[in-house]
Amino acid sequence: MDVAVEAIGLVAGAMTTSAFIPQAWKTWRSGSARDFSLALLVLLVLGNTLWFGYGVMKGSTGLVVANLITVPLTCFILWVKLRRG
């Protein structure tokens, strides 16, 4: 049962994390994050950082891996937002 639960977590993490990749790529190419809400980005960075910590404490590979990728992607978009608008 634990293997199935962790597999679901890994698939869910892969799906939600991969959703940020096209947006990060678009932000990189355009150099702008103007259409993003600052509050959204701050909350995503903080929330995903907490999910990462929670995953570490619970020993959840799915949470750790997903947020290890998502946090830098959202930090990048936030950085562009703060730097260039």
PDB file of N, CA and C in Angstrom:
ATOM      1  N   MET A   1       0.828  -1.203   0.000  1.00  0.00           N
ATOM      2  CA  MET A   1       0.000   0.000   0.000  1.00  0.00           C
ATOM      3  C   MET A   1       0.866   1.259   0.000  1.00  0.00           C
ATOM      4  N   ASP A   2       1.910   1.307   0.792  1.00  0.00           N
ATOM      5  CA  ASP A   2       2.764   2.491   0.840  1.00  0.00           C
ATOM      6  C   ASP A   2       3.413   2.783  -0.506  1.00  0.00           C
ATOM      7  N   VAL A   3       3.770   1.751  -1.253  1.00  0.00           N
ATOM      8  CA  VAL A   3       4.378   1.945  -2.564  1.00  0.00           C
ATOM      9  C   VAL A   3       3.368   2.589  -3.512  1.00  0.00           C
ATOM     10  N   ALA A   4       2.126   2.147  -3.470  1.00  0.00           N
ATOM     11  CA  ALA A   4       1.088   2.724  -4.330  1.00  0.00           C
ATOM     12  C   ALA A   4       0.825   4.177  -3.956  1.00  0.00           C
ATOM     13  N   VAL A   5       0.796   4.468  -2.675  1.00  0.00           N
ATOM     14  CA  VAL A   5       0.563   5.839  -2.213  1.00  0.00           C
ATOM     15  C   VAL A   5       1.701   6.742  -2.667  1.00  0.00           C
ATOM     16  N   GLU A   6       2.928   6.283  -2.518  1.00  0.00           N
ATOM     17  CA  GLU A   6       4.082   7.078  -2.943  1.00  0.00           C
ATOM     18  C   GLU A   6       4.087   7.246  -4.455  1.00  0.00           C
ATOM     19  N   ALA A   7       3.666   6.239  -5.196  1.00  0.00           N
ATOM     20  CA  ALA A   7       3.593   6.346  -6.655  1.00  0.00           C
ATOM     21  C   ALA A   7       2.588   7.420  -7.061  1.00  0.00           C
ATOM     22  N   ILE A   8       1.447   7.454  -6.387  1.00  0.00           N
ATOM     23  CA  ILE A   8       0.457   8.494  -6.673  1.00  0.00           C
ATOM     24  C   ILE A   8       1.058   9.870  -6.386  1.00  0.00           C
ATOM     25  N   GLY A   9       1.777   9.984  -5.288  1.00  0.00           N
ATOM     26  CA  GLY A   9       2.431  11.245  -4.948  1.00  0.00           C
ATOM     27  C   GLY A   9       3.452  11.667  -5.993  1.00  0.00           C
ATOM     28  N   LEU A  10       4.215  10.718  -6.485  1.00  0.00           N
ATOM     29  CA  LEU A  10       5.212  11.031  -7.514  1.00  0.00           C
ATOM     30  C   LEU A  10       4.556  11.477  -8.819  1.00  0.00           C
ATOM     31  N   VAL A  11       3.490  10.810  -9.217  1.00  0.00           N
ATOM     32  CA  VAL A  11       2.781  11.197 -10.441  1.00  0.00           C
ATOM     33  C   VAL A  11       2.155  12.581 -10.273  1.00  0.00           C
ATOM     34  N   ALA A  12       1.488  12.801  -9.140  1.00  0.00           N
ATOM     35  CA  ALA A  12       0.873  14.113  -8.882  1.00  0.00           C
ATOM     36  C   ALA A  12       1.933  15.205  -8.858  1.00  0.00           C
ATOM     37  N   GLY A  13       3.053  14.945  -8.199  1.00  0.00           N
ATOM     38  CA  GLY A  13       4.140  15.918  -8.148  1.00  0.00           C
ATOM     39  C   GLY A  13       4.705  16.213  -9.523  1.00  0.00           C
ATOM     40  N   ALA A  14       4.867  15.172 -10.333  1.00  0.00           N
ATOM     41  CA  ALA A  14       5.385  15.365 -11.693  1.00  0.00           C
ATOM     42  C   ALA A  14       4.433  16.223 -12.518  1.00  0.00           C
ATOM     43  N   MET A  15       3.148  15.983 -12.358  1.00  0.00           N
ATOM     44  CA  MET A  15       2.157  16.739 -13.135  1.00  0.00           C
ATOM     45  C   MET A  15       2.106  18.208 -12.703  1.00  0.00           C
ATOM     46  N   THR A  16       2.038  18.465 -11.410  1.00  0.00           N
ATOM     47  CA  THR A  16       1.932  19.850 -10.954  1.00  0.00           C
ATOM     48  C   THR A  16       3.238  20.612 -11.174  1.00  0.00           C
ATOM     49  N   THR A  17       4.353  19.943 -11.010  1.00  0.00           N
ATOM     50  CA  THR A  17       5.643  20.587 -11.241  1.00  0.00           C
ATOM     51  C   THR A  17       5.830  20.900 -12.720  1.00  0.00           C
ATOM     52  N   SER A  18       5.476  19.963 -13.582  1.00  0.00           N
ATOM     53  CA  SER A  18       5.657  20.190 -15.018  1.00  0.00           C
ATOM     54  C   SER A  18       4.770  21.331 -15.521  1.00  0.00           C
ATOM     55  N   ALA A  19       3.715  21.645 -14.799  1.00  0.00           N
ATOM     56  CA  ALA A  19       2.853  22.762 -15.191  1.00  0.00           C
ATOM     57  C   ALA A  19       3.594  24.101 -15.117  1.00  0.00           C
ATOM     58  N   PHE A  20       4.620  24.195 -14.296  1.00  0.00           N
ATOM     59  CA  PHE A  20       5.377  25.443 -14.158  1.00  0.00           C
ATOM     60  C   PHE A  20       6.444  25.600 -15.234  1.00  0.00           C
ATOM     61  N   ILE A  21       6.856  24.529 -15.849  1.00  0.00           N
ATOM     62  CA  ILE A  21       7.958  24.578 -16.805  1.00  0.00           C
ATOM     63  C   ILE A  21       7.632  25.455 -18.015  1.00  0.00           C
ATOM     64  N   PRO A  22       6.477  25.299 -18.674  1.00  0.00           N
ATOM     65  CA  PRO A  22       6.199  26.187 -19.814  1.00  0.00           C
ATOM     66  C   PRO A  22       6.143  27.665 -19.421  1.00  0.00           C
ATOM     67  N   GLN A  23       5.618  27.949 -18.239  1.00  0.00           N
ATOM     68  CA  GLN A  23       5.532  29.346 -17.811  1.00  0.00           C
ATOM     69  C   GLN A  23       6.913  29.909 -17.497  1.00  0.00           C
ATOM     70  N   ALA A  24       7.751  29.115 -16.840  1.00  0.00           N
ATOM     71  CA  ALA A  24       9.121  29.564 -16.558  1.00  0.00           C
ATOM     72  C   ALA A  24       9.874  29.795 -17.868  1.00  0.00           C
ATOM     73  N   TRP A  25       9.669  28.916 -18.845  1.00  0.00           N
ATOM     74  CA  TRP A  25      10.316  29.065 -20.152  1.00  0.00           C
ATOM     75  C   TRP A  25       9.835  30.332 -20.851  1.00  0.00           C
ATOM     76  N   LYS A  26       8.521  30.575 -20.816  1.00  0.00           N
ATOM     77  CA  LYS A  26       7.964  31.781 -21.424  1.00  0.00           C
ATOM     78  C   LYS A  26       8.505  33.033 -20.736  1.00  0.00           C
ATOM     79  N   THR A  27       8.599  32.986 -19.414  1.00  0.00           N
ATOM     80  CA  THR A  27       9.138  34.117 -18.652  1.00  0.00           C
ATOM     81  C   THR A  27      10.598  34.347 -19.029  1.00  0.00           C
ATOM     82  N   TRP A  28      11.362  33.282 -19.163  1.00  0.00           N
ATOM     83  CA  TRP A  28      12.773  33.373 -19.556  1.00  0.00           C
ATOM     84  C   TRP A  28      12.901  34.028 -20.932  1.00  0.00           C
ATOM     85  N   ARG A  29      12.092  33.555 -21.891  1.00  0.00           N
ATOM     86  CA  ARG A  29      12.171  34.084 -23.257  1.00  0.00           C
ATOM     87  C   ARG A  29      11.724  35.538 -23.346  1.00  0.00           C
ATOM     88  N   SER A  30      10.634  35.872 -22.661  1.00  0.00           N
ATOM     89  CA  SER A  30      10.099  37.230 -22.768  1.00  0.00           C
ATOM     90  C   SER A  30      10.787  38.210 -21.827  1.00  0.00           C
ATOM     91  N   GLY A  31      11.375  37.684 -20.751  1.00  0.00           N
ATOM     92  CA  GLY A  31      12.002  38.545 -19.763  1.00  0.00           C
ATOM     93  C   GLY A  31      10.999  39.292 -18.901  1.00  0.00           C
ATOM     94  N   SER A  32       9.747  38.836 -18.925  1.00  0.00           N
ATOM     95  CA  SER A  32       8.703  39.535 -18.186  1.00  0.00           C
ATOM     96  C   SER A  32       7.804  38.551 -17.446  1.00  0.00           C
ATOM     97  N   ALA A  33       7.386  38.960 -16.268  1.00  0.00           N
ATOM     98  CA  ALA A  33       6.398  38.206 -15.479  1.00  0.00           C
ATOM     99  C   ALA A  33       5.258  39.155 -15.110  1.00  0.00           C
ATOM    100  N   ARG A  34       5.038  40.123 -15.959  1.00  0.00           N
ATOM    101  CA  ARG A  34       4.059  41.180 -15.714  1.00  0.00           C
ATOM    102  C   ARG A  34       2.662  40.656 -15.422  1.00  0.00           C
ATOM    103  N   ASP A  35       2.258  39.600 -16.094  1.00  0.00           N
ATOM    104  CA  ASP A  35       0.902  39.081 -15.928  1.00  0.00           C
ATOM    105  C   ASP A  35       0.696  38.300 -14.631  1.00  0.00           C
ATOM    106  N   PHE A  36       1.754  38.043 -13.900  1.00  0.00           N
ATOM    107  CA  PHE A  36       1.639  37.319 -12.638  1.00  0.00           C
ATOM    108  C   PHE A  36       1.334  38.263 -11.491  1.00  0.00           C
ATOM    109  N   SER A  37       0.501  37.836 -10.606  1.00  0.00           N
ATOM    110  CA  SER A  37       0.247  38.565  -9.368  1.00  0.00           C
ATOM    111  C   SER A  37       1.435  38.348  -8.433  1.00  0.00           C
ATOM    112  N   LEU A  38       1.919  39.432  -7.844  1.00  0.00           N
ATOM    113  CA  LEU A  38       3.018  39.325  -6.888  1.00  0.00           C
ATOM    114  C   LEU A  38       2.612  38.456  -5.698  1.00  0.00           C
ATOM    115  N   ALA A  39       1.394  38.639  -5.220  1.00  0.00           N
ATOM    116  CA  ALA A  39       0.909  37.851  -4.085  1.00  0.00           C
ATOM    117  C   ALA A  39       0.886  36.358  -4.421  1.00  0.00           C
ATOM    118  N   LEU A  40       0.450  36.017  -5.617  1.00  0.00           N
ATOM    119  CA  LEU A  40       0.437  34.617  -6.044  1.00  0.00           C
ATOM    120  C   LEU A  40       1.837  34.022  -5.981  1.00  0.00           C
ATOM    121  N   LEU A  41       2.803  34.730  -6.544  1.00  0.00           N
ATOM    122  CA  LEU A  41       4.166  34.205  -6.588  1.00  0.00           C
ATOM    123  C   LEU A  41       4.774  34.061  -5.202  1.00  0.00           C
ATOM    124  N   VAL A  42       4.564  35.050  -4.343  1.00  0.00           N
ATOM    125  CA  VAL A  42       5.095  34.973  -2.978  1.00  0.00           C
ATOM    126  C   VAL A  42       4.468  33.795  -2.236  1.00  0.00           C
ATOM    127  N   LEU A  43       3.154  33.650  -2.348  1.00  0.00           N
ATOM    128  CA  LEU A  43       2.481  32.541  -1.676  1.00  0.00           C
ATOM    129  C   LEU A  43       2.921  31.182  -2.223  1.00  0.00           C
ATOM    130  N   LEU A  44       3.115  31.091  -3.539  1.00  0.00           N
ATOM    131  CA  LEU A  44       3.594  29.839  -4.125  1.00  0.00           C
ATOM    132  C   LEU A  44       4.996  29.485  -3.633  1.00  0.00           C
ATOM    133  N   VAL A  45       5.879  30.451  -3.614  1.00  0.00           N
ATOM    134  CA  VAL A  45       7.239  30.185  -3.134  1.00  0.00           C
ATOM    135  C   VAL A  45       7.213  29.736  -1.677  1.00  0.00           C
ATOM    136  N   LEU A  46       6.488  30.470  -0.842  1.00  0.00           N
ATOM    137  CA  LEU A  46       6.419  30.112   0.583  1.00  0.00           C
ATOM    138  C   LEU A  46       5.722  28.773   0.789  1.00  0.00           C
ATOM    139  N   GLY A  47       4.593  28.579   0.114  1.00  0.00           N
ATOM    140  CA  GLY A  47       3.848  27.324   0.264  1.00  0.00           C
ATOM    141  C   GLY A  47       4.633  26.125  -0.221  1.00  0.00           C
ATOM    142  N   ASN A  48       5.263  26.232  -1.388  1.00  0.00           N
ATOM    143  CA  ASN A  48       6.047  25.113  -1.902  1.00  0.00           C
ATOM    144  C   ASN A  48       7.289  24.847  -1.057  1.00  0.00           C
ATOM    145  N   THR A  49       7.854  25.882  -0.482  1.00  0.00           N
ATOM    146  CA  THR A  49       8.989  25.681   0.437  1.00  0.00           C
ATOM    147  C   THR A  49       8.538  24.912   1.671  1.00  0.00           C
ATOM    148  N   LEU A  50       7.370  25.257   2.191  1.00  0.00           N
ATOM    149  CA  LEU A  50       6.829  24.513   3.338  1.00  0.00           C
ATOM    150  C   LEU A  50       6.494  23.075   2.961  1.00  0.00           C
ATOM    151  N   TRP A  51       5.918  22.860   1.770  1.00  0.00           N
ATOM    152  CA  TRP A  51       5.648  21.498   1.313  1.00  0.00           C
ATOM    153  C   TRP A  51       6.946  20.698   1.212  1.00  0.00           C
ATOM    154  N   PHE A  52       8.007  21.338   0.732  1.00  0.00           N
ATOM    155  CA  PHE A  52       9.305  20.668   0.661  1.00  0.00           C
ATOM    156  C   PHE A  52       9.767  20.232   2.050  1.00  0.00           C
ATOM    157  N   GLY A  53       9.705  21.168   3.011  1.00  0.00           N
ATOM    158  CA  GLY A  53      10.100  20.833   4.379  1.00  0.00           C
ATOM    159  C   GLY A  53       9.248  19.728   4.971  1.00  0.00           C
ATOM    160  N   TYR A  54       7.958  19.786   4.722  1.00  0.00           N
ATOM    161  CA  TYR A  54       7.038  18.759   5.190  1.00  0.00           C
ATOM    162  C   TYR A  54       7.400  17.404   4.583  1.00  0.00           C
ATOM    163  N   GLY A  55       7.690  17.412   3.287  1.00  0.00           N
ATOM    164  CA  GLY A  55       8.080  16.172   2.614  1.00  0.00           C
ATOM    165  C   GLY A  55       9.351  15.581   3.195  1.00  0.00           C
ATOM    166  N   VAL A  56      10.309  16.446   3.519  1.00  0.00           N
ATOM    167  CA  VAL A  56      11.554  15.971   4.146  1.00  0.00           C
ATOM    168  C   VAL A  56      11.246  15.339   5.498  1.00  0.00           C
ATOM    169  N   MET A  57      10.444  16.034   6.312  1.00  0.00           N
ATOM    170  CA  MET A  57      10.121  15.524   7.653  1.00  0.00           C
ATOM    171  C   MET A  57       9.324  14.225   7.599  1.00  0.00           C
ATOM    172  N   LYS A  58       8.455  14.085   6.597  1.00  0.00           N
ATOM    173  CA  LYS A  58       7.637  12.877   6.469  1.00  0.00           C
ATOM    174  C   LYS A  58       8.352  11.772   5.687  1.00  0.00           C
ATOM    175  N   GLY A  59       9.468  12.105   5.080  1.00  0.00           N
ATOM    176  CA  GLY A  59      10.181  11.123   4.271  1.00  0.00           C
ATOM    177  C   GLY A  59       9.453  10.792   2.971  1.00  0.00           C
ATOM    178  N   SER A  60       8.754  11.789   2.403  1.00  0.00           N
ATOM    179  CA  SER A  60       7.987  11.580   1.179  1.00  0.00           C
ATOM    180  C   SER A  60       8.802  12.003  -0.043  1.00  0.00           C
ATOM    181  N   THR A  61       9.258  11.029  -0.779  1.00  0.00           N
ATOM    182  CA  THR A  61      10.055  11.307  -1.974  1.00  0.00           C
ATOM    183  C   THR A  61       9.281  12.173  -2.961  1.00  0.00           C
ATOM    184  N   GLY A  62       8.003  11.886  -3.132  1.00  0.00           N
ATOM    185  CA  GLY A  62       7.188  12.650  -4.077  1.00  0.00           C
ATOM    186  C   GLY A  62       7.136  14.124  -3.744  1.00  0.00           C
ATOM    187  N   LEU A  63       6.883  14.444  -2.489  1.00  0.00           N
ATOM    188  CA  LEU A  63       6.826  15.846  -2.075  1.00  0.00           C
ATOM    189  C   LEU A  63       8.181  16.523  -2.193  1.00  0.00           C
ATOM    190  N   VAL A  64       9.214  15.827  -1.796  1.00  0.00           N
ATOM    191  CA  VAL A  64      10.557  16.410  -1.833  1.00  0.00           C
ATOM    192  C   VAL A  64      10.978  16.706  -3.268  1.00  0.00           C
ATOM    193  N   VAL A  65      10.860  15.727  -4.141  1.00  0.00           N
ATOM    194  CA  VAL A  65      11.311  15.902  -5.522  1.00  0.00           C
ATOM    195  C   VAL A  65      10.493  16.980  -6.236  1.00  0.00           C
ATOM    196  N   ALA A  66       9.175  16.908  -6.092  1.00  0.00           N
ATOM    197  CA  ALA A  66       8.316  17.885  -6.774  1.00  0.00           C
ATOM    198  C   ALA A  66       8.647  19.306  -6.343  1.00  0.00           C
ATOM    199  N   ASN A  67       8.795  19.499  -5.063  1.00  0.00           N
ATOM    200  CA  ASN A  67       9.034  20.860  -4.571  1.00  0.00           C
ATOM    201  C   ASN A  67      10.483  21.290  -4.720  1.00  0.00           C
ATOM    202  N   LEU A  68      11.394  20.346  -4.800  1.00  0.00           N
ATOM    203  CA  LEU A  68      12.790  20.669  -5.079  1.00  0.00           C
ATOM    204  C   LEU A  68      12.916  21.280  -6.479  1.00  0.00           C
ATOM    205  N   ILE A  69      12.014  20.926  -7.358  1.00  0.00           N
ATOM    206  CA  ILE A  69      11.999  21.489  -8.709  1.00  0.00           C
ATOM    207  C   ILE A  69      11.105  22.725  -8.769  1.00  0.00           C
ATOM    208  N   THR A  70       9.939  22.663  -8.139  1.00  0.00           N
ATOM    209  CA  THR A  70       8.967  23.756  -8.221  1.00  0.00           C
ATOM    210  C   THR A  70       9.452  25.029  -7.542  1.00  0.00           C
ATOM    211  N   VAL A  71      10.097  24.909  -6.392  1.00  0.00           N
ATOM    212  CA  VAL A  71      10.547  26.112  -5.669  1.00  0.00           C
ATOM    213  C   VAL A  71      11.502  26.951  -6.515  1.00  0.00           C
ATOM    214  N   PRO A  72      12.540  26.383  -7.116  1.00  0.00           N
ATOM    215  CA  PRO A  72      13.403  27.224  -7.955  1.00  0.00           C
ATOM    216  C   PRO A  72      12.681  27.826  -9.160  1.00  0.00           C
ATOM    217  N   LEU A  73      11.754  27.073  -9.764  1.00  0.00           N
ATOM    218  CA  LEU A  73      11.010  27.621 -10.899  1.00  0.00           C
ATOM    219  C   LEU A  73      10.179  28.827 -10.481  1.00  0.00           C
ATOM    220  N   THR A  74       9.473  28.713  -9.364  1.00  0.00           N
ATOM    221  CA  THR A  74       8.655  29.838  -8.913  1.00  0.00           C
ATOM    222  C   THR A  74       9.521  30.981  -8.397  1.00  0.00           C
ATOM    223  N   CYS A  75      10.672  30.667  -7.799  1.00  0.00           N
ATOM    224  CA  CYS A  75      11.592  31.724  -7.368  1.00  0.00           C
ATOM    225  C   CYS A  75      12.106  32.500  -8.577  1.00  0.00           C
ATOM    226  N   PHE A  76      12.396  31.801  -9.659  1.00  0.00           N
ATOM    227  CA  PHE A  76      12.855  32.466 -10.873  1.00  0.00           C
ATOM    228  C   PHE A  76      11.798  33.428 -11.397  1.00  0.00           C
ATOM    229  N   ILE A  77      10.554  32.960 -11.488  1.00  0.00           N
ATOM    230  CA  ILE A  77       9.475  33.819 -11.990  1.00  0.00           C
ATOM    231  C   ILE A  77       9.283  35.016 -11.063  1.00  0.00           C
ATOM    232  N   LEU A  78       9.349  34.778  -9.744  1.00  0.00           N
ATOM    233  CA  LEU A  78       9.237  35.870  -8.776  1.00  0.00           C
ATOM    234  C   LEU A  78      10.380  36.861  -8.947  1.00  0.00           C
ATOM    235  N   TRP A  79      11.587  36.361  -9.140  1.00  0.00           N
ATOM    236  CA  TRP A  79      12.758  37.222  -9.333  1.00  0.00           C
ATOM    237  C   TRP A  79      12.573  38.127 -10.572  1.00  0.00           C
ATOM    238  N   VAL A  80      12.090  37.516 -11.665  1.00  0.00           N
ATOM    239  CA  VAL A  80      11.845  38.308 -12.873  1.00  0.00           C
ATOM    240  C   VAL A  80      10.764  39.352 -12.595  1.00  0.00           C
ATOM    241  N   LYS A  81       9.720  38.953 -11.890  1.00  0.00           N
ATOM    242  CA  LYS A  81       8.639  39.878 -11.556  1.00  0.00           C
ATOM    243  C   LYS A  81       9.163  41.066 -10.768  1.00  0.00           C
ATOM    244  N   LEU A  82       9.994  40.810  -9.769  1.00  0.00           N
ATOM    245  CA  LEU A  82      10.520  41.884  -8.924  1.00  0.00           C
ATOM    246  C   LEU A  82      11.535  42.734  -9.663  1.00  0.00           C
ATOM    247  N   ARG A  83      12.271  42.127 -10.557  1.00  0.00           N
ATOM    248  CA  ARG A  83      13.333  42.837 -11.253  1.00  0.00           C
ATOM    249  C   ARG A  83      12.838  43.626 -12.457  1.00  0.00           C
ATOM    250  N   ARG A  84      11.928  43.041 -13.202  1.00  0.00           N
ATOM    251  CA  ARG A  84      11.530  43.662 -14.471  1.00  0.00           C
ATOM    252  C   ARG A  84      10.039  43.939 -14.591  1.00  0.00           C
ATOM    253  N   GLY A  85       9.270  43.428 -13.671  1.00  0.00           N
ATOM    254  CA  GLY A  85       7.817  43.642 -13.747  1.00  0.00           C
ATOM    255  C   GLY A  85       7.085  42.618 -14.519  1.00  0.00           C
TER     256      GLY A  85
END
